[in-house]
Protein backbone atom coordinates (compact mmCIF):
# COMPACT_ATOMS: atom_id res chain seq x y z
CA MET A 1 -23.43 -17.49 -20.71
CA ARG A 2 -22.55 -14.52 -21.63
CA ARG A 3 -21.56 -13.66 -17.74
CA VAL A 4 -19.34 -17.45 -17.96
CA GLY A 5 -17.55 -16.27 -21.24
CA LEU A 6 -16.59 -12.53 -19.49
CA VAL A 7 -15.59 -14.57 -16.67
CA VAL A 8 -13.17 -17.11 -18.48
CA ALA A 9 -11.83 -13.78 -20.51
CA ALA A 10 -10.78 -12.31 -17.26
CA VAL A 11 -9.24 -15.28 -16.19
CA LEU A 12 -7.45 -15.71 -19.27
CA ALA A 13 -6.36 -12.14 -19.02
CA THR A 14 -4.56 -13.13 -15.60
CA ILE A 15 -3.21 -15.83 -16.28
CA ALA A 16 -1.36 -14.17 -19.09
CA LEU A 17 -0.33 -11.25 -17.04
CA LEU A 18 1.28 -13.98 -14.84
CA LEU A 19 2.96 -15.59 -17.40
CA SER A 20 4.76 -12.44 -18.57
CA PRO A 21 8.09 -12.28 -19.60
CA ALA A 22 9.16 -9.09 -18.24
CA ALA A 23 9.08 -10.54 -15.42
CA ALA A 24 11.93 -13.20 -16.02
CA SER A 25 14.46 -10.65 -16.85
CA ALA A 26 14.14 -9.01 -13.68
CA ALA A 27 16.56 -11.38 -12.31
CA THR A 28 19.72 -10.83 -14.19
CA GLY A 29 22.63 -9.75 -11.58
CA ASN A 30 24.32 -10.05 -8.67
CA SER A 31 21.60 -9.24 -5.94
CA VAL A 32 19.58 -12.53 -6.18
CA GLY A 33 17.86 -11.97 -3.04
CA ALA A 34 16.51 -8.30 -4.27
CA ASN A 35 15.47 -9.63 -7.34
CA LEU A 36 13.34 -12.72 -6.52
CA ALA A 37 11.86 -10.06 -3.43
CA GLY A 38 11.14 -7.60 -6.80
CA LEU A 39 10.02 -10.77 -9.10
CA LEU A 40 7.74 -11.64 -6.25
CA ARG A 41 6.39 -8.07 -5.05
CA GLU A 42 5.45 -7.99 -8.69
CA TYR A 43 3.44 -10.99 -9.14
CA ALA A 44 1.77 -10.74 -5.85
CA GLY A 45 0.90 -6.90 -7.77
CA GLU A 46 -0.70 -8.77 -10.50
CA LEU A 47 -2.77 -11.44 -8.35
CA TYR A 48 -3.86 -9.06 -6.36
CA THR A 49 -5.17 -6.81 -9.29
CA GLY A 50 -6.49 -10.09 -11.00
CA ILE A 51 -8.54 -10.56 -7.98
CA VAL A 52 -9.98 -7.11 -7.63
CA ALA A 53 -10.80 -7.46 -11.12
CA ILE A 54 -12.71 -10.50 -11.32
CA VAL A 55 -14.64 -9.79 -8.03
CA ALA A 56 -15.55 -6.62 -9.46
CA LEU A 57 -16.94 -7.90 -12.44
CA VAL A 58 -19.38 -9.88 -10.01
CA PHE A 59 -20.44 -7.04 -9.11
CA LEU A 60 -20.88 -4.93 -12.37
CA VAL A 61 -22.54 -8.15 -13.35
CA ASN A 62 -25.16 -8.06 -10.47
CA ARG A 63 -25.14 -4.26 -11.07
CA ARG A 64 -24.66 -3.51 -7.04
CA PHE A 65 -22.87 -0.48 -8.08
CA THR A 66 -22.76 0.76 -4.38
CA ASP A 67 -21.07 -2.06 -3.04
CA LEU A 68 -18.74 -1.83 -6.06
CA LEU A 69 -17.48 1.63 -4.92
CA VAL A 70 -16.78 0.46 -1.33
CA PHE A 71 -14.85 -2.37 -2.50
CA PHE A 72 -12.59 -0.46 -4.34
CA CYS A 73 -11.76 2.18 -1.37
CA ALA A 74 -11.48 -1.23 0.34
CA ALA A 75 -8.86 -2.64 -2.27
CA ILE A 76 -7.49 0.65 -2.81
CA VAL A 77 -6.39 0.91 1.40
CA VAL A 78 -5.45 -2.49 1.63
CA GLY A 79 -3.03 -2.89 -1.18
CA TRP A 80 -1.68 0.37 0.13
CA LEU A 81 -1.18 -0.69 3.15
CA VAL A 82 0.25 -4.04 1.75
CA PHE A 83 2.12 -2.76 -1.30
CA ALA A 84 3.21 0.75 -0.13
CA PRO A 85 4.70 0.14 4.01
CA GLY A 86 7.22 2.81 3.82
CA GLN A 87 4.64 5.79 2.92
CA VAL A 88 1.74 4.16 5.28
CA ALA A 89 4.70 4.65 7.99
CA GLU A 90 5.85 8.16 6.88
CA ALA A 91 1.92 8.85 6.87
CA ALA A 92 1.36 7.35 10.06
CA LYS A 93 4.30 9.86 11.19
CA ALA A 94 3.14 13.03 9.85
CA ILE A 95 -0.42 12.49 11.61
CA ALA A 96 1.39 11.41 14.85
CA HIS A 97 3.37 14.88 14.80
CA GLN A 98 -0.23 16.55 14.03
CA VAL A 99 -1.90 15.31 16.51
CA LEU A 100 0.84 15.00 19.32
CA PRO A 101 2.43 17.68 20.13
């Protein structure tokens, strides 16, 4: 019964983050496309964080700490690839310059 309460609390916290008024103030100004892209990126980041948190709770409740560590490492790499493509490109260029003279 306590596990269900934890999952419900995590889902409610995720919904509260998604409905925050800070995202509504981002749509001011004349650059609607840039504001919309920023707003959608913010929502996607919050949704991704909520999903990672819920899955992490499942690992914690089942006491699978090694799997939790592997999941966190994978979540960080996927988040970096998706939400920072410019940094990924720069890192790939730096690695290519080191490997290929």
